[in-house]
N, C-alpha and C. Protein backbone atom coordinates (compact mmCIF):
# COMPACT_ATOMS: atom_id res chain seq x y z
N UNK A 1 -18.18 -32.04 17.11
CA UNK A 1 -18.72 -33.30 16.60
C UNK A 1 -20.10 -33.54 17.18
N UNK A 2 -20.93 -34.28 16.45
CA UNK A 2 -22.24 -34.64 16.96
C UNK A 2 -22.11 -35.63 18.10
N UNK A 3 -22.97 -35.53 19.13
CA UNK A 3 -22.93 -36.50 20.23
C UNK A 3 -23.17 -37.92 19.72
N UNK A 4 -22.47 -38.87 20.30
CA UNK A 4 -22.62 -40.27 19.93
C UNK A 4 -23.86 -40.86 20.60
N UNK A 5 -24.45 -41.90 19.99
CA UNK A 5 -25.62 -42.55 20.61
C UNK A 5 -25.27 -43.09 22.01
N UNK A 6 -26.26 -43.10 22.89
CA UNK A 6 -26.05 -43.58 24.25
C UNK A 6 -25.99 -45.10 24.25
N UNK A 7 -24.98 -45.64 24.89
CA UNK A 7 -24.86 -47.10 25.03
C UNK A 7 -24.62 -47.42 26.49
N UNK A 8 -25.18 -48.52 26.94
CA UNK A 8 -24.98 -48.97 28.33
C UNK A 8 -24.35 -50.36 28.31
N UNK A 9 -23.36 -50.54 29.19
CA UNK A 9 -22.64 -51.81 29.22
C UNK A 9 -22.73 -52.49 30.58
N UNK A 10 -23.61 -51.99 31.46
CA UNK A 10 -23.75 -52.62 32.77
C UNK A 10 -22.79 -52.09 33.81
N UNK A 11 -21.96 -51.12 33.42
CA UNK A 11 -21.01 -50.55 34.39
C UNK A 11 -21.79 -49.76 35.44
N UNK A 12 -21.42 -49.92 36.71
CA UNK A 12 -22.11 -49.23 37.80
C UNK A 12 -21.44 -47.92 38.21
N UNK A 13 -20.46 -47.48 37.41
CA UNK A 13 -19.79 -46.22 37.72
C UNK A 13 -20.77 -45.07 37.57
N UNK A 14 -20.65 -44.06 38.43
CA UNK A 14 -21.53 -42.92 38.41
C UNK A 14 -20.71 -41.63 38.44
N UNK A 15 -21.33 -40.55 38.04
CA UNK A 15 -20.69 -39.25 38.13
C UNK A 15 -21.55 -38.36 39.00
N UNK A 16 -20.94 -37.39 39.63
CA UNK A 16 -21.65 -36.41 40.43
C UNK A 16 -21.33 -35.03 39.88
N UNK A 17 -22.37 -34.28 39.57
CA UNK A 17 -22.21 -32.98 38.95
C UNK A 17 -22.86 -31.92 39.82
N UNK A 18 -22.16 -30.80 39.97
CA UNK A 18 -22.67 -29.67 40.75
C UNK A 18 -23.11 -28.59 39.78
N UNK A 19 -24.38 -28.27 39.75
CA UNK A 19 -24.94 -27.31 38.81
C UNK A 19 -25.82 -26.32 39.56
N UNK A 20 -25.47 -25.02 39.46
CA UNK A 20 -26.29 -23.94 40.02
C UNK A 20 -26.68 -24.19 41.48
N UNK A 21 -25.72 -24.63 42.27
CA UNK A 21 -25.96 -24.79 43.69
C UNK A 21 -26.60 -26.11 44.07
N UNK A 22 -26.89 -26.98 43.10
CA UNK A 22 -27.48 -28.28 43.40
C UNK A 22 -26.55 -29.36 42.94
N UNK A 23 -26.72 -30.54 43.45
CA UNK A 23 -25.88 -31.65 43.03
C UNK A 23 -26.76 -32.87 42.81
N UNK A 24 -26.29 -33.80 42.00
CA UNK A 24 -27.03 -35.02 41.75
C UNK A 24 -26.10 -36.10 41.30
N UNK A 25 -26.54 -37.33 41.30
CA UNK A 25 -25.72 -38.44 40.84
C UNK A 25 -26.58 -39.36 40.00
N UNK A 26 -25.92 -40.18 39.21
CA UNK A 26 -26.63 -41.07 38.32
C UNK A 26 -26.30 -40.75 36.88
N UNK A 27 -27.21 -41.06 35.96
CA UNK A 27 -27.00 -40.79 34.55
C UNK A 27 -27.16 -39.32 34.24
N UNK A 28 -26.75 -38.93 33.02
CA UNK A 28 -26.80 -37.53 32.67
C UNK A 28 -28.24 -37.02 32.54
N UNK A 29 -29.21 -37.97 32.41
CA UNK A 29 -30.59 -37.53 32.27
C UNK A 29 -31.12 -36.86 33.52
N UNK A 30 -30.41 -37.04 34.67
CA UNK A 30 -30.83 -36.39 35.91
C UNK A 30 -30.20 -35.02 36.08
N UNK A 31 -29.34 -34.62 35.14
CA UNK A 31 -28.64 -33.35 35.24
C UNK A 31 -29.51 -32.24 34.65
N UNK A 32 -29.40 -31.04 35.20
CA UNK A 32 -30.25 -29.95 34.77
C UNK A 32 -29.83 -29.25 33.51
N UNK A 33 -28.96 -29.84 32.69
CA UNK A 33 -28.65 -29.28 31.38
C UNK A 33 -28.40 -30.41 30.40
N UNK A 34 -28.43 -30.10 29.12
CA UNK A 34 -28.36 -31.12 28.08
C UNK A 34 -26.94 -31.36 27.62
N UNK A 35 -26.80 -32.34 26.71
CA UNK A 35 -25.47 -32.71 26.22
C UNK A 35 -24.78 -31.52 25.55
N UNK A 36 -25.54 -30.72 24.80
CA UNK A 36 -24.93 -29.57 24.13
C UNK A 36 -24.32 -28.60 25.13
N UNK A 37 -24.93 -28.51 26.34
CA UNK A 37 -24.38 -27.63 27.37
C UNK A 37 -23.05 -28.16 27.88
N UNK A 38 -22.92 -29.48 27.94
CA UNK A 38 -21.65 -30.08 28.36
C UNK A 38 -20.55 -29.74 27.35
N UNK A 39 -20.85 -29.87 26.06
CA UNK A 39 -19.88 -29.54 25.03
C UNK A 39 -19.49 -28.06 25.08
N UNK A 40 -20.48 -27.21 25.32
CA UNK A 40 -20.19 -25.78 25.42
C UNK A 40 -19.28 -25.48 26.60
N UNK A 41 -19.51 -26.16 27.73
CA UNK A 41 -18.69 -25.95 28.92
C UNK A 41 -17.26 -26.42 28.68
N UNK A 42 -17.11 -27.55 27.98
CA UNK A 42 -15.77 -28.06 27.68
C UNK A 42 -15.02 -27.10 26.77
N UNK A 43 -15.72 -26.60 25.74
CA UNK A 43 -15.08 -25.66 24.82
C UNK A 43 -14.69 -24.37 25.53
N UNK A 44 -15.54 -23.93 26.45
CA UNK A 44 -15.24 -22.71 27.20
C UNK A 44 -13.98 -22.89 28.04
N UNK A 45 -13.80 -24.07 28.63
CA UNK A 45 -12.61 -24.34 29.43
C UNK A 45 -11.36 -24.39 28.54
N UNK A 46 -11.54 -24.93 27.32
CA UNK A 46 -10.39 -25.02 26.42
C UNK A 46 -9.83 -23.65 26.08
N UNK A 47 -10.74 -22.67 25.93
CA UNK A 47 -10.31 -21.34 25.53
C UNK A 47 -10.23 -20.37 26.70
N UNK A 48 -10.29 -20.90 27.90
CA UNK A 48 -10.27 -20.02 29.08
C UNK A 48 -9.00 -19.18 29.10
N UNK A 49 -9.17 -17.90 29.37
CA UNK A 49 -8.03 -17.00 29.47
C UNK A 49 -7.62 -16.37 28.16
N UNK A 50 -8.23 -16.77 27.04
CA UNK A 50 -7.88 -16.20 25.74
C UNK A 50 -8.98 -15.25 25.29
N UNK A 51 -8.58 -14.19 24.61
CA UNK A 51 -9.55 -13.26 24.06
C UNK A 51 -10.14 -13.83 22.77
N UNK A 52 -11.21 -13.22 22.28
CA UNK A 52 -11.82 -13.66 21.03
C UNK A 52 -10.83 -13.59 19.89
N UNK A 53 -10.03 -12.53 19.86
CA UNK A 53 -9.04 -12.36 18.79
C UNK A 53 -8.00 -13.48 18.83
N UNK A 54 -7.52 -13.81 20.02
CA UNK A 54 -6.53 -14.88 20.16
C UNK A 54 -7.11 -16.22 19.73
N UNK A 55 -8.35 -16.47 20.11
CA UNK A 55 -9.01 -17.71 19.72
C UNK A 55 -9.12 -17.79 18.20
N UNK A 56 -9.49 -16.67 17.57
CA UNK A 56 -9.65 -16.65 16.12
C UNK A 56 -8.34 -16.92 15.40
N UNK A 57 -7.27 -16.28 15.84
CA UNK A 57 -5.97 -16.48 15.19
C UNK A 57 -5.46 -17.90 15.42
N UNK A 58 -5.72 -18.45 16.60
CA UNK A 58 -5.36 -19.84 16.86
C UNK A 58 -6.12 -20.78 15.95
N UNK A 59 -7.39 -20.47 15.73
CA UNK A 59 -8.21 -21.28 14.83
C UNK A 59 -7.66 -21.27 13.42
N UNK A 60 -7.26 -20.10 12.91
CA UNK A 60 -6.69 -20.01 11.57
C UNK A 60 -5.38 -20.79 11.47
N UNK A 61 -4.58 -20.72 12.52
CA UNK A 61 -3.32 -21.48 12.52
C UNK A 61 -3.58 -22.97 12.42
N UNK A 62 -4.63 -23.42 13.10
CA UNK A 62 -4.99 -24.83 13.02
C UNK A 62 -5.47 -25.23 11.64
N UNK A 63 -6.21 -24.35 10.97
CA UNK A 63 -6.68 -24.64 9.62
C UNK A 63 -5.53 -24.75 8.63
N UNK A 64 -4.46 -24.01 8.89
CA UNK A 64 -3.32 -24.04 7.98
C UNK A 64 -2.73 -25.44 7.86
N UNK A 65 -2.88 -26.24 8.90
CA UNK A 65 -2.31 -27.60 8.89
C UNK A 65 -3.09 -28.54 7.97
N UNK A 66 -4.34 -28.20 7.67
CA UNK A 66 -5.14 -29.07 6.80
C UNK A 66 -5.48 -28.38 5.47
N UNK A 67 -5.24 -27.10 5.37
CA UNK A 67 -5.49 -26.36 4.14
C UNK A 67 -4.29 -25.45 3.89
N UNK A 68 -3.38 -25.92 3.02
CA UNK A 68 -2.15 -25.18 2.79
C UNK A 68 -2.39 -23.86 2.07
N UNK A 69 -3.58 -23.70 1.48
CA UNK A 69 -3.89 -22.46 0.81
C UNK A 69 -4.51 -21.42 1.72
N UNK A 70 -4.69 -21.76 2.99
CA UNK A 70 -5.30 -20.82 3.94
C UNK A 70 -4.43 -19.57 4.06
N UNK A 71 -5.08 -18.40 4.01
CA UNK A 71 -4.34 -17.14 4.06
C UNK A 71 -5.09 -16.18 4.97
N UNK A 72 -4.35 -15.49 5.82
CA UNK A 72 -4.97 -14.46 6.64
C UNK A 72 -3.95 -13.39 6.98
N UNK A 73 -4.46 -12.19 7.18
CA UNK A 73 -3.66 -11.05 7.60
C UNK A 73 -4.43 -10.29 8.66
N UNK A 74 -3.72 -9.65 9.55
CA UNK A 74 -4.40 -8.83 10.55
C UNK A 74 -3.53 -7.65 10.91
N UNK A 75 -4.15 -6.62 11.46
CA UNK A 75 -3.41 -5.45 11.91
C UNK A 75 -3.82 -5.14 13.35
N UNK A 76 -2.93 -4.49 14.07
CA UNK A 76 -3.16 -4.13 15.47
C UNK A 76 -3.18 -2.62 15.61
N UNK A 77 -3.92 -2.15 16.60
CA UNK A 77 -3.93 -0.71 16.85
C UNK A 77 -2.78 -0.33 17.78
N UNK A 78 -2.75 0.91 18.23
CA UNK A 78 -1.65 1.39 19.07
C UNK A 78 -1.56 0.71 20.41
N UNK A 79 -2.66 0.08 20.85
CA UNK A 79 -2.66 -0.63 22.13
C UNK A 79 -2.53 -2.14 21.95
N UNK A 80 -2.07 -2.56 20.77
CA UNK A 80 -1.84 -3.97 20.46
C UNK A 80 -3.13 -4.78 20.45
N UNK A 81 -4.24 -4.14 20.14
CA UNK A 81 -5.50 -4.85 20.01
C UNK A 81 -5.79 -5.12 18.53
N UNK A 82 -6.49 -6.22 18.27
CA UNK A 82 -6.82 -6.57 16.89
C UNK A 82 -7.68 -5.49 16.27
N UNK A 83 -7.26 -4.99 15.11
CA UNK A 83 -7.94 -3.89 14.46
C UNK A 83 -8.69 -4.35 13.20
N UNK A 84 -7.98 -4.99 12.28
CA UNK A 84 -8.57 -5.49 11.04
C UNK A 84 -8.15 -6.94 10.84
N UNK A 85 -9.03 -7.72 10.21
CA UNK A 85 -8.74 -9.13 9.99
C UNK A 85 -9.24 -9.55 8.61
N UNK A 86 -8.35 -10.14 7.81
CA UNK A 86 -8.64 -10.61 6.45
C UNK A 86 -8.36 -12.10 6.39
N UNK A 87 -9.26 -12.88 5.77
CA UNK A 87 -8.97 -14.30 5.64
C UNK A 87 -9.68 -14.91 4.43
N UNK A 88 -9.08 -15.97 3.88
CA UNK A 88 -9.68 -16.78 2.82
C UNK A 88 -9.01 -18.14 2.81
N UNK A 89 -9.74 -19.16 2.35
CA UNK A 89 -9.17 -20.51 2.31
C UNK A 89 -8.64 -20.82 0.92
N UNK A 90 -8.08 -22.01 0.77
CA UNK A 90 -7.46 -22.38 -0.50
C UNK A 90 -8.45 -22.44 -1.65
N UNK A 91 -9.66 -22.94 -1.38
CA UNK A 91 -10.68 -23.02 -2.44
C UNK A 91 -11.07 -21.63 -2.92
N UNK A 92 -11.24 -20.71 -2.00
CA UNK A 92 -11.60 -19.34 -2.37
C UNK A 92 -10.51 -18.68 -3.19
N UNK A 93 -9.26 -18.93 -2.83
CA UNK A 93 -8.15 -18.34 -3.58
C UNK A 93 -8.11 -18.90 -5.00
N UNK A 94 -8.38 -20.19 -5.15
CA UNK A 94 -8.41 -20.77 -6.48
C UNK A 94 -9.56 -20.20 -7.29
N UNK A 95 -10.74 -20.11 -6.68
CA UNK A 95 -11.90 -19.55 -7.38
C UNK A 95 -11.61 -18.12 -7.85
N UNK A 96 -10.94 -17.35 -7.01
CA UNK A 96 -10.65 -15.97 -7.38
C UNK A 96 -9.64 -15.91 -8.52
N UNK A 97 -8.69 -16.84 -8.55
CA UNK A 97 -7.71 -16.85 -9.64
C UNK A 97 -8.37 -17.15 -10.98
N UNK A 98 -9.51 -17.87 -10.95
CA UNK A 98 -10.21 -18.23 -12.18
C UNK A 98 -11.31 -17.24 -12.52
N UNK A 99 -12.07 -16.82 -11.49
CA UNK A 99 -13.26 -15.99 -11.73
C UNK A 99 -13.13 -14.57 -11.17
N UNK A 100 -11.92 -14.16 -10.80
CA UNK A 100 -11.75 -12.89 -10.11
C UNK A 100 -11.57 -11.67 -10.98
N UNK A 101 -11.81 -11.78 -12.28
CA UNK A 101 -11.68 -10.59 -13.13
C UNK A 101 -12.71 -9.53 -12.78
N UNK A 102 -13.87 -9.99 -12.34
CA UNK A 102 -14.92 -9.07 -11.89
C UNK A 102 -15.12 -9.31 -10.39
N UNK A 103 -14.89 -8.28 -9.62
CA UNK A 103 -14.93 -8.39 -8.16
C UNK A 103 -16.01 -7.48 -7.59
N UNK A 104 -16.81 -8.04 -6.73
CA UNK A 104 -17.78 -7.24 -6.01
C UNK A 104 -17.54 -7.37 -4.52
N UNK A 105 -17.66 -6.27 -3.80
CA UNK A 105 -17.56 -6.39 -2.35
C UNK A 105 -18.57 -5.48 -1.68
N UNK A 106 -19.05 -5.96 -0.56
CA UNK A 106 -20.20 -5.34 0.08
C UNK A 106 -19.99 -5.31 1.59
N UNK A 107 -20.26 -4.17 2.20
CA UNK A 107 -20.15 -4.03 3.65
C UNK A 107 -21.52 -3.80 4.28
N UNK A 108 -22.56 -4.26 3.62
CA UNK A 108 -23.91 -4.01 4.09
C UNK A 108 -24.44 -5.11 5.01
N UNK A 109 -23.63 -6.09 5.32
CA UNK A 109 -24.08 -7.18 6.16
C UNK A 109 -24.16 -6.74 7.62
N UNK A 110 -24.85 -7.56 8.43
CA UNK A 110 -25.01 -7.22 9.84
C UNK A 110 -23.68 -7.11 10.56
N UNK A 111 -23.67 -6.32 11.58
CA UNK A 111 -22.45 -6.11 12.36
C UNK A 111 -22.44 -7.04 13.57
N UNK A 112 -21.24 -7.38 14.02
CA UNK A 112 -21.14 -8.27 15.17
C UNK A 112 -21.20 -7.47 16.46
N UNK A 113 -21.00 -8.16 17.58
CA UNK A 113 -21.16 -7.49 18.87
C UNK A 113 -20.12 -6.40 19.11
N UNK A 114 -19.03 -6.40 18.31
CA UNK A 114 -18.02 -5.35 18.44
C UNK A 114 -18.31 -4.15 17.53
N UNK A 115 -19.44 -4.19 16.83
CA UNK A 115 -19.85 -3.08 15.95
C UNK A 115 -18.85 -2.84 14.83
N UNK A 116 -18.25 -3.90 14.34
CA UNK A 116 -17.29 -3.81 13.24
C UNK A 116 -17.93 -4.33 11.95
N UNK A 117 -17.79 -3.61 10.84
CA UNK A 117 -18.39 -4.07 9.58
C UNK A 117 -17.70 -5.32 9.05
N UNK A 118 -18.49 -6.21 8.50
CA UNK A 118 -17.99 -7.41 7.84
C UNK A 118 -18.08 -7.19 6.34
N UNK A 119 -16.95 -7.26 5.65
CA UNK A 119 -16.89 -7.05 4.20
C UNK A 119 -16.68 -8.39 3.52
N UNK A 120 -17.49 -8.70 2.53
CA UNK A 120 -17.39 -9.96 1.81
C UNK A 120 -17.06 -9.68 0.34
N UNK A 121 -16.03 -10.34 -0.19
CA UNK A 121 -15.65 -10.22 -1.58
C UNK A 121 -16.33 -11.33 -2.38
N UNK A 122 -17.00 -10.96 -3.46
CA UNK A 122 -17.83 -11.90 -4.21
C UNK A 122 -17.47 -11.90 -5.68
N UNK A 123 -17.84 -12.98 -6.35
CA UNK A 123 -17.71 -13.08 -7.79
C UNK A 123 -18.77 -14.03 -8.33
N UNK A 124 -18.71 -14.32 -9.62
CA UNK A 124 -19.66 -15.23 -10.27
C UNK A 124 -18.87 -16.25 -11.07
N UNK A 125 -19.22 -17.54 -10.94
CA UNK A 125 -18.50 -18.58 -11.67
C UNK A 125 -19.12 -18.82 -13.04
N UNK A 126 -18.65 -19.86 -13.75
CA UNK A 126 -19.10 -20.13 -15.11
C UNK A 126 -20.52 -20.71 -15.17
N UNK A 127 -21.10 -21.01 -14.02
CA UNK A 127 -22.49 -21.44 -13.96
C UNK A 127 -23.40 -20.32 -13.45
N UNK A 128 -22.86 -19.11 -13.40
CA UNK A 128 -23.59 -17.94 -12.92
C UNK A 128 -24.00 -18.08 -11.45
N UNK A 129 -23.19 -18.78 -10.69
CA UNK A 129 -23.42 -18.92 -9.26
C UNK A 129 -22.48 -18.00 -8.50
N UNK A 130 -22.97 -17.47 -7.41
CA UNK A 130 -22.14 -16.58 -6.59
C UNK A 130 -21.07 -17.38 -5.87
N UNK A 131 -19.85 -16.89 -5.91
CA UNK A 131 -18.75 -17.50 -5.17
C UNK A 131 -18.15 -16.45 -4.24
N UNK A 132 -17.73 -16.89 -3.08
CA UNK A 132 -17.13 -16.00 -2.09
C UNK A 132 -15.61 -16.14 -2.16
N UNK A 133 -14.94 -15.01 -2.30
CA UNK A 133 -13.49 -15.02 -2.40
C UNK A 133 -12.81 -14.86 -1.05
N UNK A 134 -13.30 -13.97 -0.21
CA UNK A 134 -12.70 -13.80 1.11
C UNK A 134 -13.60 -12.93 1.99
N UNK A 135 -13.18 -12.82 3.25
CA UNK A 135 -13.93 -12.05 4.24
C UNK A 135 -12.97 -11.10 4.95
N UNK A 136 -13.52 -9.97 5.40
CA UNK A 136 -12.71 -9.00 6.15
C UNK A 136 -13.57 -8.41 7.26
N UNK A 137 -13.00 -8.32 8.45
CA UNK A 137 -13.62 -7.58 9.54
C UNK A 137 -12.78 -6.32 9.75
N UNK A 138 -13.43 -5.16 9.67
CA UNK A 138 -12.73 -3.89 9.77
C UNK A 138 -13.08 -3.17 11.07
N UNK A 139 -12.15 -2.36 11.51
CA UNK A 139 -12.39 -1.55 12.70
C UNK A 139 -13.36 -0.40 12.39
N UNK A 140 -13.28 0.12 11.16
CA UNK A 140 -14.17 1.20 10.73
C UNK A 140 -14.22 1.20 9.21
N UNK A 141 -14.97 2.12 8.64
CA UNK A 141 -15.13 2.18 7.19
C UNK A 141 -14.45 3.40 6.59
N UNK A 142 -13.27 3.71 7.10
CA UNK A 142 -12.50 4.84 6.58
C UNK A 142 -11.73 4.41 5.32
N UNK A 143 -11.17 5.39 4.63
CA UNK A 143 -10.38 5.10 3.43
C UNK A 143 -9.14 4.27 3.78
N UNK A 144 -8.51 4.57 4.88
CA UNK A 144 -7.33 3.80 5.31
C UNK A 144 -7.68 2.33 5.52
N UNK A 145 -8.85 2.08 6.12
CA UNK A 145 -9.26 0.70 6.37
C UNK A 145 -9.51 -0.05 5.06
N UNK A 146 -10.14 0.63 4.11
CA UNK A 146 -10.41 -0.03 2.83
C UNK A 146 -9.13 -0.23 2.02
N UNK A 147 -8.20 0.70 2.11
CA UNK A 147 -6.90 0.49 1.47
C UNK A 147 -6.22 -0.72 2.08
N UNK A 148 -6.31 -0.83 3.39
CA UNK A 148 -5.69 -1.98 4.07
C UNK A 148 -6.29 -3.29 3.58
N UNK A 149 -7.61 -3.38 3.46
CA UNK A 149 -8.24 -4.65 3.10
C UNK A 149 -7.95 -5.07 1.67
N UNK A 150 -7.74 -4.10 0.76
CA UNK A 150 -7.48 -4.46 -0.63
C UNK A 150 -6.05 -4.93 -0.85
N UNK A 151 -5.14 -4.48 -0.02
CA UNK A 151 -3.74 -4.91 -0.19
C UNK A 151 -3.53 -6.37 0.19
N UNK A 152 -4.08 -6.88 1.30
CA UNK A 152 -3.99 -8.32 1.54
C UNK A 152 -4.69 -9.14 0.45
N UNK A 153 -5.76 -8.56 -0.12
CA UNK A 153 -6.42 -9.25 -1.24
C UNK A 153 -5.43 -9.46 -2.39
N UNK A 154 -4.70 -8.42 -2.75
CA UNK A 154 -3.70 -8.54 -3.81
C UNK A 154 -2.64 -9.57 -3.45
N UNK A 155 -2.21 -9.56 -2.19
CA UNK A 155 -1.20 -10.52 -1.76
C UNK A 155 -1.72 -11.94 -1.84
N UNK A 156 -2.95 -12.16 -1.40
CA UNK A 156 -3.54 -13.49 -1.43
C UNK A 156 -3.70 -13.99 -2.85
N UNK A 157 -3.98 -13.08 -3.78
CA UNK A 157 -4.18 -13.44 -5.18
C UNK A 157 -2.91 -13.28 -6.01
N UNK A 158 -1.77 -13.25 -5.33
CA UNK A 158 -0.45 -13.21 -5.97
C UNK A 158 -0.29 -12.02 -6.91
N UNK A 159 -0.83 -10.89 -6.48
CA UNK A 159 -0.64 -9.65 -7.22
C UNK A 159 -1.55 -9.45 -8.42
N UNK A 160 -2.52 -10.34 -8.63
CA UNK A 160 -3.41 -10.22 -9.78
C UNK A 160 -4.61 -9.35 -9.42
N UNK A 161 -4.72 -8.13 -9.96
CA UNK A 161 -5.85 -7.26 -9.63
C UNK A 161 -7.06 -7.60 -10.49
N UNK A 162 -8.26 -7.26 -10.05
CA UNK A 162 -9.45 -7.46 -10.88
C UNK A 162 -9.49 -6.46 -12.02
N UNK A 163 -10.25 -6.79 -13.06
CA UNK A 163 -10.42 -5.85 -14.18
C UNK A 163 -11.58 -4.90 -13.94
N UNK A 164 -12.58 -5.36 -13.20
CA UNK A 164 -13.73 -4.52 -12.87
C UNK A 164 -14.11 -4.75 -11.42
N UNK A 165 -14.54 -3.68 -10.77
CA UNK A 165 -14.96 -3.76 -9.37
C UNK A 165 -16.36 -3.15 -9.25
N UNK A 166 -17.26 -3.90 -8.63
CA UNK A 166 -18.63 -3.43 -8.43
C UNK A 166 -18.89 -3.22 -6.94
N UNK A 167 -19.43 -2.07 -6.57
CA UNK A 167 -19.72 -1.78 -5.17
C UNK A 167 -21.08 -1.07 -5.09
N UNK A 168 -21.38 -0.58 -3.89
CA UNK A 168 -22.66 0.08 -3.66
C UNK A 168 -22.63 1.58 -3.94
N UNK A 169 -21.54 2.07 -4.51
CA UNK A 169 -21.46 3.49 -4.84
C UNK A 169 -20.89 4.37 -3.75
N UNK A 170 -20.41 3.79 -2.67
CA UNK A 170 -19.82 4.57 -1.60
C UNK A 170 -18.58 5.30 -2.13
N UNK A 171 -18.51 6.61 -1.87
CA UNK A 171 -17.42 7.42 -2.41
C UNK A 171 -16.07 7.02 -1.83
N UNK A 172 -16.05 6.59 -0.55
CA UNK A 172 -14.80 6.16 0.07
C UNK A 172 -14.28 4.91 -0.62
N UNK A 173 -15.18 3.95 -0.89
CA UNK A 173 -14.79 2.73 -1.58
C UNK A 173 -14.30 3.05 -2.99
N UNK A 174 -15.00 3.95 -3.67
CA UNK A 174 -14.59 4.31 -5.04
C UNK A 174 -13.19 4.90 -5.04
N UNK A 175 -12.89 5.77 -4.09
CA UNK A 175 -11.57 6.36 -4.00
C UNK A 175 -10.51 5.31 -3.72
N UNK A 176 -10.85 4.36 -2.84
CA UNK A 176 -9.91 3.30 -2.48
C UNK A 176 -9.59 2.41 -3.65
N UNK A 177 -10.60 2.04 -4.42
CA UNK A 177 -10.39 1.20 -5.60
C UNK A 177 -9.43 1.90 -6.57
N UNK A 178 -9.58 3.21 -6.73
CA UNK A 178 -8.68 3.95 -7.61
C UNK A 178 -7.24 3.96 -7.13
N UNK A 179 -7.06 3.88 -5.81
CA UNK A 179 -5.70 3.89 -5.25
C UNK A 179 -5.02 2.53 -5.41
N UNK A 180 -5.73 1.46 -5.06
CA UNK A 180 -5.13 0.12 -5.02
C UNK A 180 -5.24 -0.59 -6.37
N UNK A 181 -6.36 -0.39 -7.08
CA UNK A 181 -6.56 -1.01 -8.39
C UNK A 181 -6.70 0.09 -9.45
N UNK A 182 -5.66 0.82 -9.75
CA UNK A 182 -5.78 1.98 -10.66
C UNK A 182 -6.24 1.61 -12.06
N UNK A 183 -6.00 0.38 -12.50
CA UNK A 183 -6.40 -0.01 -13.85
C UNK A 183 -7.77 -0.64 -13.93
N UNK A 184 -8.45 -0.81 -12.79
CA UNK A 184 -9.74 -1.48 -12.79
C UNK A 184 -10.87 -0.51 -13.12
N UNK A 185 -11.89 -1.03 -13.78
CA UNK A 185 -13.09 -0.25 -14.07
C UNK A 185 -14.02 -0.30 -12.85
N UNK A 186 -14.50 0.85 -12.46
CA UNK A 186 -15.39 0.94 -11.30
C UNK A 186 -16.83 0.94 -11.79
N UNK A 187 -17.66 0.08 -11.20
CA UNK A 187 -19.04 -0.04 -11.61
C UNK A 187 -19.96 -0.07 -10.39
N UNK A 188 -21.17 0.46 -10.58
CA UNK A 188 -22.21 0.39 -9.55
C UNK A 188 -23.00 -0.90 -9.79
N UNK A 189 -23.26 -1.67 -8.73
CA UNK A 189 -23.93 -2.95 -8.90
C UNK A 189 -25.37 -2.73 -9.37
N UNK A 190 -25.95 -3.75 -10.03
CA UNK A 190 -27.27 -3.63 -10.66
C UNK A 190 -28.36 -3.35 -9.64
N UNK A 191 -28.22 -3.89 -8.43
CA UNK A 191 -29.25 -3.67 -7.41
C UNK A 191 -29.36 -2.19 -7.06
N UNK A 192 -28.21 -1.54 -6.92
CA UNK A 192 -28.23 -0.12 -6.59
C UNK A 192 -28.65 0.72 -7.78
N UNK A 193 -28.30 0.30 -9.00
CA UNK A 193 -28.78 1.00 -10.18
C UNK A 193 -30.31 0.97 -10.24
N UNK A 194 -30.89 -0.22 -10.00
CA UNK A 194 -32.33 -0.36 -10.02
C UNK A 194 -32.98 0.45 -8.92
N UNK A 195 -32.38 0.44 -7.73
CA UNK A 195 -32.95 1.20 -6.62
C UNK A 195 -32.93 2.70 -6.92
N UNK A 196 -31.80 3.18 -7.48
CA UNK A 196 -31.71 4.60 -7.80
C UNK A 196 -32.70 5.00 -8.90
N UNK A 197 -32.82 4.11 -9.91
CA UNK A 197 -33.75 4.41 -10.99
C UNK A 197 -35.18 4.43 -10.48
N UNK A 198 -35.52 3.48 -9.63
CA UNK A 198 -36.87 3.43 -9.07
C UNK A 198 -37.18 4.66 -8.24
N UNK A 199 -36.18 5.09 -7.48
CA UNK A 199 -36.39 6.29 -6.66
C UNK A 199 -36.63 7.51 -7.54
N UNK A 200 -35.89 7.63 -8.65
CA UNK A 200 -36.06 8.78 -9.54
C UNK A 200 -37.42 8.74 -10.23
N UNK A 201 -37.84 7.55 -10.67
CA UNK A 201 -39.13 7.40 -11.35
C UNK A 201 -40.25 7.74 -10.38
N UNK A 202 -40.11 7.24 -9.14
CA UNK A 202 -41.15 7.51 -8.14
C UNK A 202 -41.24 8.99 -7.79
N UNK A 203 -40.12 9.70 -7.88
CA UNK A 203 -40.11 11.10 -7.50
C UNK A 203 -40.60 12.02 -8.62
N UNK A 204 -40.14 11.73 -9.86
CA UNK A 204 -40.44 12.63 -10.95
C UNK A 204 -41.49 12.09 -11.91
N UNK A 205 -41.76 10.78 -11.86
CA UNK A 205 -42.72 10.18 -12.77
C UNK A 205 -42.10 9.93 -14.13
N UNK A 206 -42.81 9.20 -14.95
CA UNK A 206 -42.33 8.88 -16.28
C UNK A 206 -42.70 10.00 -17.25
N UNK A 207 -41.79 10.36 -18.16
CA UNK A 207 -42.06 11.42 -19.14
C UNK A 207 -42.48 10.80 -20.46
């Protein structure tokens, strides 16, 4: 939440804070860090002792109480560590049920500090606006990982597969789409078509 405006009521109570080996008393304006630092410290204490994965799953569990359509799946490796994570909210699931006949997904986004690819499933609504259907964090970009991510997608969408799938032309993704969505048409997205065409024109010239 945003910090509330400062109000004074004449109370003479004071606090003493120990920061980086120094101490002070009085109002917070005499402290060597700002209000946002206080909020960060409180949040850090709340999650003390939990791993990032545990915090994330706890967060999704909390969302379930206010969004009954919230859906997530995860897998663990042989050492019981979080391996893959799939999630989408109720709005995204509804959008996919209406606009999910054509599905695009892309793993070209930046990677997080764990060096795991983030895959985003996309579509287009009736106003030609991009809509996001769900997100996936994968341990790697192998065929097994992509098969895993498409199966929770089917479960979240109640078994309704897309009619067409657009990707960046990766052969592993193409193979995976054929395994999980055997009836779907596989297409290369327009951006990659244009890039490939431009590269060919630049190399061979126009005839």
